[in-house]
Amino acid sequence: EIMSGDWSSDVCSSDLVIVPLAYWKQQRDSRAAADFGVWLAPADDPAELADAIADLPVIALDFPQFVDGRSYSNGRLLRERYGFTGELRAVGDVLRDQLYAMEQVGFNAFSVREDRNPAQELAGLQDFSTGYQVTFLREQALFRHVR
C-alpha cells in the first residue's frame, strides 16, 4: 500500500478492516461505523454512504481492470458532493500510469498491484508538473492563470 497523504492530514492505519458495501449496510447498526472502512465496487452508488460519511475513516474504491474508470467518478463524488475527508484508497488493478489522475480526483492512498514495486509506482504522482483541467486538487483551469 502506498499512502500519498501530502494534502490530507486524516490518513488512517493500513491494518483497518475494509468490508464490502453490502456487508457494511447489514452491520452498520450493530457496530460503530468507525470500526471499519467500506469497499465500493464500481457499480456501487456512493450516495448510500452519504448519511454516515463523517464517521468513515476509509473508503476503498475498486479498479477491477485498467479500462474501468467508474471509480474515478465515484472518488470525485465522495470528495466534492458528499464531503468525505478521510482516506480514499484506490484498490485493484492500480498502476503507476493512473496514480496522478487518481490523486487529482481525490485519492490519497493507493494499494498497487502485488507484482509492482511500490516506490516506483509512487513516482507516478510526480509524472506531470501541472494539468490543464479543473480537478479536486486544482480549482482553476490552466488557461485562467494570470501571467
N, C-alpha and C. Protein backbone atom coordinates (compact mmCIF):
# COMPACT_ATOMS: atom_id res chain seq x y z
N GLU A 1 0.84 -1.18 0.00
CA GLU A 1 0.00 0.00 0.00
C GLU A 1 0.88 1.24 0.00
N ILE A 2 0.46 2.22 -0.72
CA ILE A 2 1.18 3.49 -0.78
C ILE A 2 0.25 4.56 -0.25
N MET A 3 0.73 5.37 0.65
CA MET A 3 -0.05 6.50 1.15
C MET A 3 0.61 7.76 0.63
N SER A 4 -0.14 8.59 -0.07
CA SER A 4 0.45 9.84 -0.51
C SER A 4 0.35 10.86 0.61
N GLY A 5 -0.85 11.10 1.10
CA GLY A 5 -1.08 11.90 2.28
C GLY A 5 -0.54 13.32 2.25
N ASP A 6 -0.04 13.79 1.12
CA ASP A 6 0.54 15.12 1.06
C ASP A 6 -0.47 16.21 1.38
N TRP A 7 -1.72 16.05 1.01
CA TRP A 7 -2.71 17.09 1.20
C TRP A 7 -3.76 16.71 2.21
N SER A 8 -3.70 15.51 2.77
CA SER A 8 -4.69 15.09 3.75
C SER A 8 -4.02 14.75 5.06
N SER A 9 -4.49 15.37 6.13
CA SER A 9 -3.92 15.06 7.44
C SER A 9 -4.67 13.93 8.11
N ASP A 10 -5.74 13.45 7.49
CA ASP A 10 -6.57 12.42 8.10
C ASP A 10 -6.36 11.10 7.38
N VAL A 11 -5.19 10.50 7.56
CA VAL A 11 -4.86 9.23 6.93
C VAL A 11 -4.90 8.15 7.99
N CYS A 12 -5.59 7.06 7.71
CA CYS A 12 -5.78 6.04 8.73
C CYS A 12 -4.79 4.90 8.59
N SER A 13 -4.84 3.99 9.53
CA SER A 13 -3.95 2.84 9.58
C SER A 13 -4.24 1.87 8.45
N SER A 14 -3.20 1.26 7.90
CA SER A 14 -3.39 0.32 6.80
C SER A 14 -3.92 -1.02 7.27
N ASP A 15 -3.98 -1.27 8.58
CA ASP A 15 -4.49 -2.55 9.07
C ASP A 15 -5.98 -2.49 9.43
N LEU A 16 -6.65 -1.42 9.09
CA LEU A 16 -8.08 -1.28 9.32
C LEU A 16 -8.83 -2.28 8.43
N VAL A 17 -9.88 -2.91 8.95
CA VAL A 17 -10.68 -3.84 8.18
C VAL A 17 -11.60 -3.05 7.25
N ILE A 18 -11.60 -3.44 5.99
CA ILE A 18 -12.44 -2.80 4.98
C ILE A 18 -13.41 -3.85 4.47
N VAL A 19 -14.71 -3.54 4.52
CA VAL A 19 -15.74 -4.50 4.14
C VAL A 19 -16.53 -4.00 2.95
N PRO A 20 -17.10 -4.93 2.15
CA PRO A 20 -17.94 -4.51 1.02
C PRO A 20 -19.17 -3.74 1.49
N LEU A 21 -19.67 -2.89 0.62
CA LEU A 21 -20.82 -2.04 0.93
C LEU A 21 -22.00 -2.85 1.45
N ALA A 22 -22.32 -3.98 0.83
CA ALA A 22 -23.48 -4.78 1.25
C ALA A 22 -23.31 -5.24 2.70
N TYR A 23 -22.13 -5.69 3.08
CA TYR A 23 -21.88 -6.13 4.46
C TYR A 23 -21.97 -4.94 5.41
N TRP A 24 -21.38 -3.82 5.03
CA TRP A 24 -21.42 -2.62 5.87
C TRP A 24 -22.86 -2.21 6.15
N LYS A 25 -23.71 -2.25 5.11
CA LYS A 25 -25.11 -1.87 5.27
C LYS A 25 -25.83 -2.80 6.25
N GLN A 26 -25.51 -4.08 6.22
CA GLN A 26 -26.12 -5.05 7.13
C GLN A 26 -25.67 -4.85 8.57
N GLN A 27 -24.41 -4.47 8.75
CA GLN A 27 -23.81 -4.42 10.08
C GLN A 27 -23.73 -3.04 10.70
N ARG A 28 -24.03 -2.00 9.96
CA ARG A 28 -23.75 -0.65 10.45
C ARG A 28 -24.50 -0.30 11.72
N ASP A 29 -25.65 -0.87 11.99
CA ASP A 29 -26.38 -0.58 13.22
C ASP A 29 -25.84 -1.36 14.41
N SER A 30 -25.14 -2.47 14.15
CA SER A 30 -24.65 -3.29 15.25
C SER A 30 -23.22 -2.94 15.67
N ARG A 31 -22.52 -2.17 14.88
CA ARG A 31 -21.15 -1.77 15.19
C ARG A 31 -20.99 -0.29 14.87
N ALA A 32 -20.03 0.33 15.54
CA ALA A 32 -19.73 1.73 15.23
C ALA A 32 -19.09 1.81 13.85
N ALA A 33 -19.53 2.76 13.05
CA ALA A 33 -19.01 2.89 11.68
C ALA A 33 -17.51 3.12 11.66
N ALA A 34 -16.96 3.71 12.71
CA ALA A 34 -15.52 3.99 12.76
C ALA A 34 -14.69 2.73 12.95
N ASP A 35 -15.33 1.58 13.22
CA ASP A 35 -14.60 0.34 13.42
C ASP A 35 -14.07 -0.26 12.13
N PHE A 36 -14.60 0.15 10.99
CA PHE A 36 -14.14 -0.42 9.73
C PHE A 36 -14.41 0.54 8.58
N GLY A 37 -13.73 0.26 7.49
CA GLY A 37 -13.93 1.04 6.28
C GLY A 37 -14.86 0.32 5.32
N VAL A 38 -15.20 1.00 4.23
CA VAL A 38 -16.13 0.44 3.25
C VAL A 38 -15.43 0.30 1.91
N TRP A 39 -15.67 -0.84 1.26
CA TRP A 39 -15.14 -1.13 -0.06
C TRP A 39 -16.29 -0.96 -1.06
N LEU A 40 -16.10 -0.09 -2.05
CA LEU A 40 -17.11 0.13 -3.08
C LEU A 40 -16.66 -0.46 -4.41
N ALA A 41 -17.51 -1.27 -4.99
CA ALA A 41 -17.30 -1.75 -6.35
C ALA A 41 -17.68 -0.62 -7.31
N PRO A 42 -17.23 -0.65 -8.55
CA PRO A 42 -17.54 0.43 -9.48
C PRO A 42 -19.04 0.69 -9.66
N ALA A 43 -19.86 -0.35 -9.57
CA ALA A 43 -21.30 -0.19 -9.77
C ALA A 43 -22.04 0.27 -8.51
N ASP A 44 -21.35 0.30 -7.36
CA ASP A 44 -21.99 0.75 -6.11
C ASP A 44 -22.23 2.26 -6.16
N ASP A 45 -23.30 2.69 -5.54
CA ASP A 45 -23.66 4.10 -5.50
C ASP A 45 -23.07 4.76 -4.25
N PRO A 46 -22.16 5.70 -4.39
CA PRO A 46 -21.58 6.35 -3.21
C PRO A 46 -22.60 7.10 -2.37
N ALA A 47 -23.76 7.42 -2.93
CA ALA A 47 -24.81 8.11 -2.18
C ALA A 47 -25.29 7.27 -1.00
N GLU A 48 -25.09 5.95 -1.06
CA GLU A 48 -25.51 5.08 0.03
C GLU A 48 -24.70 5.32 1.31
N LEU A 49 -23.59 6.03 1.19
CA LEU A 49 -22.75 6.34 2.36
C LEU A 49 -22.98 7.76 2.86
N ALA A 50 -23.80 8.53 2.18
CA ALA A 50 -23.91 9.97 2.45
C ALA A 50 -24.21 10.29 3.91
N ASP A 51 -25.13 9.57 4.54
CA ASP A 51 -25.51 9.92 5.90
C ASP A 51 -24.50 9.45 6.95
N ALA A 52 -23.51 8.66 6.55
CA ALA A 52 -22.50 8.17 7.50
C ALA A 52 -21.10 8.62 7.11
N ILE A 53 -20.98 9.47 6.12
CA ILE A 53 -19.69 9.83 5.54
C ILE A 53 -18.70 10.38 6.57
N ALA A 54 -19.17 11.15 7.53
CA ALA A 54 -18.28 11.76 8.53
C ALA A 54 -17.72 10.73 9.50
N ASP A 55 -18.36 9.56 9.61
CA ASP A 55 -17.92 8.54 10.55
C ASP A 55 -16.97 7.52 9.93
N LEU A 56 -16.80 7.54 8.64
CA LEU A 56 -15.98 6.53 7.97
C LEU A 56 -14.52 6.96 7.91
N PRO A 57 -13.61 6.15 8.41
CA PRO A 57 -12.20 6.50 8.37
C PRO A 57 -11.56 6.24 7.00
N VAL A 58 -12.10 5.28 6.25
CA VAL A 58 -11.54 4.95 4.94
C VAL A 58 -12.64 4.40 4.04
N ILE A 59 -12.54 4.79 2.77
CA ILE A 59 -13.38 4.21 1.72
C ILE A 59 -12.42 3.74 0.64
N ALA A 60 -12.53 2.47 0.29
CA ALA A 60 -11.69 1.89 -0.77
C ALA A 60 -12.55 1.73 -2.02
N LEU A 61 -12.07 2.25 -3.13
CA LEU A 61 -12.78 2.12 -4.40
C LEU A 61 -12.00 1.17 -5.30
N ASP A 62 -12.74 0.23 -5.86
CA ASP A 62 -12.13 -0.83 -6.65
C ASP A 62 -11.97 -0.43 -8.11
N PHE A 63 -10.80 -0.72 -8.64
CA PHE A 63 -10.50 -0.60 -10.06
C PHE A 63 -10.24 -2.03 -10.54
N PRO A 64 -11.29 -2.77 -10.94
CA PRO A 64 -11.13 -4.18 -11.26
C PRO A 64 -10.24 -4.46 -12.48
N GLN A 65 -10.19 -3.51 -13.38
CA GLN A 65 -9.30 -3.62 -14.54
C GLN A 65 -8.96 -2.21 -15.02
N PHE A 66 -7.84 -2.10 -15.70
CA PHE A 66 -7.32 -0.80 -16.12
C PHE A 66 -8.33 0.03 -16.89
N VAL A 67 -9.18 -0.59 -17.69
CA VAL A 67 -10.10 0.15 -18.57
C VAL A 67 -11.40 0.57 -17.89
N ASP A 68 -11.60 0.20 -16.64
CA ASP A 68 -12.83 0.55 -15.92
C ASP A 68 -12.59 1.79 -15.08
N GLY A 69 -13.11 2.94 -15.51
CA GLY A 69 -12.84 4.20 -14.83
C GLY A 69 -13.96 4.71 -13.94
N ARG A 70 -14.97 3.90 -13.67
CA ARG A 70 -16.10 4.37 -12.87
C ARG A 70 -15.69 4.81 -11.47
N SER A 71 -14.66 4.20 -10.92
CA SER A 71 -14.24 4.58 -9.56
C SER A 71 -13.58 5.95 -9.51
N TYR A 72 -13.08 6.45 -10.64
CA TYR A 72 -12.62 7.84 -10.68
C TYR A 72 -13.79 8.77 -10.37
N SER A 73 -14.91 8.54 -11.05
CA SER A 73 -16.09 9.37 -10.84
C SER A 73 -16.61 9.24 -9.41
N ASN A 74 -16.65 8.03 -8.90
CA ASN A 74 -17.12 7.82 -7.53
C ASN A 74 -16.22 8.49 -6.51
N GLY A 75 -14.92 8.48 -6.75
CA GLY A 75 -13.99 9.15 -5.85
C GLY A 75 -14.24 10.65 -5.81
N ARG A 76 -14.42 11.23 -6.96
CA ARG A 76 -14.68 12.68 -7.01
C ARG A 76 -16.01 13.02 -6.37
N LEU A 77 -17.03 12.19 -6.59
CA LEU A 77 -18.32 12.41 -5.94
C LEU A 77 -18.19 12.36 -4.41
N LEU A 78 -17.45 11.38 -3.91
CA LEU A 78 -17.28 11.26 -2.46
C LEU A 78 -16.62 12.50 -1.88
N ARG A 79 -15.63 13.05 -2.57
CA ARG A 79 -14.94 14.24 -2.08
C ARG A 79 -15.79 15.51 -2.23
N GLU A 80 -16.30 15.74 -3.42
CA GLU A 80 -16.93 17.02 -3.72
C GLU A 80 -18.41 17.09 -3.35
N ARG A 81 -19.17 16.08 -3.63
CA ARG A 81 -20.60 16.12 -3.34
C ARG A 81 -20.91 15.73 -1.90
N TYR A 82 -20.20 14.70 -1.40
CA TYR A 82 -20.53 14.18 -0.07
C TYR A 82 -19.56 14.63 1.01
N GLY A 83 -18.51 15.35 0.67
CA GLY A 83 -17.61 15.94 1.64
C GLY A 83 -16.74 14.96 2.41
N PHE A 84 -16.43 13.83 1.84
CA PHE A 84 -15.59 12.85 2.53
C PHE A 84 -14.18 13.40 2.69
N THR A 85 -13.66 13.37 3.92
CA THR A 85 -12.33 13.92 4.20
C THR A 85 -11.34 12.86 4.66
N GLY A 86 -11.77 11.62 4.82
CA GLY A 86 -10.89 10.55 5.29
C GLY A 86 -10.03 9.99 4.18
N GLU A 87 -9.50 8.82 4.43
CA GLU A 87 -8.64 8.15 3.45
C GLU A 87 -9.50 7.59 2.32
N LEU A 88 -9.17 7.97 1.10
CA LEU A 88 -9.82 7.45 -0.09
C LEU A 88 -8.78 6.60 -0.81
N ARG A 89 -8.96 5.30 -0.74
CA ARG A 89 -7.94 4.36 -1.22
C ARG A 89 -8.34 3.70 -2.53
N ALA A 90 -7.45 3.71 -3.51
CA ALA A 90 -7.64 3.01 -4.77
C ALA A 90 -7.10 1.59 -4.60
N VAL A 91 -7.93 0.59 -4.95
CA VAL A 91 -7.53 -0.81 -4.84
C VAL A 91 -7.84 -1.53 -6.14
N GLY A 92 -7.20 -2.66 -6.36
CA GLY A 92 -7.46 -3.45 -7.56
C GLY A 92 -6.30 -3.33 -8.54
N ASP A 93 -6.64 -3.11 -9.81
CA ASP A 93 -5.64 -3.02 -10.87
C ASP A 93 -5.10 -1.58 -10.92
N VAL A 94 -4.38 -1.21 -9.87
CA VAL A 94 -3.85 0.15 -9.72
C VAL A 94 -2.40 0.17 -10.19
N LEU A 95 -2.14 1.00 -11.19
CA LEU A 95 -0.81 1.09 -11.81
C LEU A 95 -0.28 2.52 -11.79
N ARG A 96 1.02 2.64 -11.95
CA ARG A 96 1.69 3.96 -11.94
C ARG A 96 1.02 4.97 -12.86
N ASP A 97 0.64 4.55 -14.04
CA ASP A 97 0.05 5.46 -15.03
C ASP A 97 -1.23 6.12 -14.54
N GLN A 98 -1.88 5.53 -13.54
CA GLN A 98 -3.15 6.05 -13.06
C GLN A 98 -3.02 6.94 -11.82
N LEU A 99 -1.92 6.85 -11.10
CA LEU A 99 -1.83 7.49 -9.79
C LEU A 99 -2.03 9.00 -9.84
N TYR A 100 -1.44 9.68 -10.79
CA TYR A 100 -1.59 11.13 -10.87
C TYR A 100 -3.06 11.51 -11.06
N ALA A 101 -3.75 10.84 -11.98
CA ALA A 101 -5.16 11.13 -12.23
C ALA A 101 -6.01 10.78 -11.02
N MET A 102 -5.68 9.69 -10.35
CA MET A 102 -6.42 9.30 -9.15
C MET A 102 -6.27 10.36 -8.06
N GLU A 103 -5.07 10.85 -7.87
CA GLU A 103 -4.85 11.88 -6.86
C GLU A 103 -5.63 13.15 -7.20
N GLN A 104 -5.72 13.50 -8.48
CA GLN A 104 -6.42 14.71 -8.89
C GLN A 104 -7.91 14.65 -8.58
N VAL A 105 -8.50 13.45 -8.54
CA VAL A 105 -9.93 13.35 -8.24
C VAL A 105 -10.18 13.09 -6.75
N GLY A 106 -9.11 12.97 -5.94
CA GLY A 106 -9.30 12.88 -4.50
C GLY A 106 -8.71 11.70 -3.79
N PHE A 107 -8.11 10.76 -4.50
CA PHE A 107 -7.49 9.61 -3.82
C PHE A 107 -6.23 10.06 -3.10
N ASN A 108 -6.05 9.56 -1.87
CA ASN A 108 -4.84 9.89 -1.12
C ASN A 108 -4.13 8.65 -0.59
N ALA A 109 -4.56 7.47 -1.03
CA ALA A 109 -3.88 6.21 -0.69
C ALA A 109 -4.09 5.24 -1.85
N PHE A 110 -3.09 4.40 -2.09
CA PHE A 110 -3.13 3.52 -3.25
C PHE A 110 -2.59 2.15 -2.88
N SER A 111 -3.35 1.11 -3.16
CA SER A 111 -2.88 -0.27 -3.00
C SER A 111 -2.54 -0.76 -4.40
N VAL A 112 -1.27 -0.69 -4.73
CA VAL A 112 -0.84 -1.07 -6.08
C VAL A 112 -0.78 -2.59 -6.20
N ARG A 113 -0.80 -3.06 -7.42
CA ARG A 113 -0.74 -4.49 -7.68
C ARG A 113 0.49 -5.10 -7.03
N GLU A 114 0.36 -6.34 -6.58
CA GLU A 114 1.44 -7.01 -5.88
C GLU A 114 2.67 -7.26 -6.76
N ASP A 115 2.49 -7.29 -8.07
CA ASP A 115 3.62 -7.54 -8.95
C ASP A 115 4.41 -6.27 -9.28
N ARG A 116 4.10 -5.17 -8.59
CA ARG A 116 4.75 -3.88 -8.84
C ARG A 116 5.55 -3.43 -7.63
N ASN A 117 6.58 -2.63 -7.88
CA ASN A 117 7.40 -2.05 -6.82
C ASN A 117 6.71 -0.79 -6.31
N PRO A 118 6.29 -0.77 -5.04
CA PRO A 118 5.55 0.40 -4.52
C PRO A 118 6.28 1.72 -4.69
N ALA A 119 7.59 1.75 -4.46
CA ALA A 119 8.33 3.02 -4.58
C ALA A 119 8.34 3.52 -6.02
N GLN A 120 8.51 2.62 -6.97
CA GLN A 120 8.49 3.02 -8.38
C GLN A 120 7.10 3.49 -8.80
N GLU A 121 6.07 2.83 -8.30
CA GLU A 121 4.71 3.23 -8.63
C GLU A 121 4.39 4.61 -8.05
N LEU A 122 4.82 4.87 -6.83
CA LEU A 122 4.57 6.16 -6.19
C LEU A 122 5.17 7.32 -6.99
N ALA A 123 6.24 7.06 -7.71
CA ALA A 123 6.85 8.09 -8.54
C ALA A 123 5.87 8.60 -9.60
N GLY A 124 4.84 7.82 -9.91
CA GLY A 124 3.82 8.24 -10.87
C GLY A 124 3.08 9.50 -10.44
N LEU A 125 3.10 9.80 -9.16
CA LEU A 125 2.46 11.02 -8.68
C LEU A 125 3.21 12.27 -9.13
N GLN A 126 4.46 12.10 -9.55
CA GLN A 126 5.29 13.22 -9.99
C GLN A 126 5.48 13.26 -11.51
N ASP A 127 4.76 12.43 -12.24
CA ASP A 127 4.94 12.34 -13.70
C ASP A 127 4.55 13.62 -14.44
N PHE A 128 3.68 14.44 -13.87
CA PHE A 128 3.23 15.65 -14.52
C PHE A 128 3.46 16.83 -13.59
N SER A 129 3.94 17.93 -14.13
CA SER A 129 4.20 19.11 -13.30
C SER A 129 2.94 19.95 -13.11
N THR A 130 2.02 19.88 -14.06
CA THR A 130 0.76 20.61 -13.95
C THR A 130 -0.26 19.96 -14.87
N GLY A 131 -1.49 20.37 -14.73
CA GLY A 131 -2.55 19.86 -15.58
C GLY A 131 -3.37 21.00 -16.13
N TYR A 132 -4.12 20.74 -17.14
CA TYR A 132 -4.92 21.78 -17.80
C TYR A 132 -6.27 21.98 -17.15
N GLN A 133 -6.95 20.88 -16.82
CA GLN A 133 -8.33 20.94 -16.39
C GLN A 133 -8.49 21.18 -14.88
N VAL A 134 -9.70 21.57 -14.50
CA VAL A 134 -10.07 21.70 -13.10
C VAL A 134 -10.20 20.31 -12.50
N THR A 135 -9.66 20.11 -11.31
CA THR A 135 -9.78 18.84 -10.60
C THR A 135 -10.10 19.11 -9.14
N PHE A 136 -10.22 18.04 -8.37
CA PHE A 136 -10.44 18.18 -6.93
C PHE A 136 -9.32 18.99 -6.29
N LEU A 137 -8.09 18.80 -6.75
CA LEU A 137 -6.94 19.49 -6.19
C LEU A 137 -6.64 20.83 -6.86
N ARG A 138 -7.16 21.04 -8.06
CA ARG A 138 -6.87 22.25 -8.82
C ARG A 138 -8.18 22.95 -9.14
N GLU A 139 -8.43 24.06 -8.49
CA GLU A 139 -9.71 24.74 -8.62
C GLU A 139 -9.82 25.62 -9.86
N GLN A 140 -8.71 25.88 -10.51
CA GLN A 140 -8.74 26.78 -11.66
C GLN A 140 -8.02 26.12 -12.84
N ALA A 141 -8.64 26.20 -14.02
CA ALA A 141 -8.03 25.65 -15.22
C ALA A 141 -6.76 26.43 -15.57
N LEU A 142 -5.82 25.79 -16.22
CA LEU A 142 -4.55 26.40 -16.56
C LEU A 142 -4.72 27.69 -17.38
N PHE A 143 -5.65 27.71 -18.32
CA PHE A 143 -5.80 28.90 -19.15
C PHE A 143 -6.33 30.11 -18.37
N ARG A 144 -6.83 29.89 -17.18
CA ARG A 144 -7.33 31.00 -16.35
C ARG A 144 -6.24 31.63 -15.49
N HIS A 145 -5.08 31.03 -15.45
CA HIS A 145 -3.97 31.59 -14.65
C HIS A 145 -3.49 32.89 -15.27
N VAL A 146 -3.35 33.90 -14.47
CA VAL A 146 -2.86 35.19 -14.93
C VAL A 146 -1.35 35.15 -14.92
N ARG A 147 -0.78 35.60 -15.99
CA ARG A 147 0.70 35.59 -16.07
C ARG A 147 1.22 36.97 -16.03
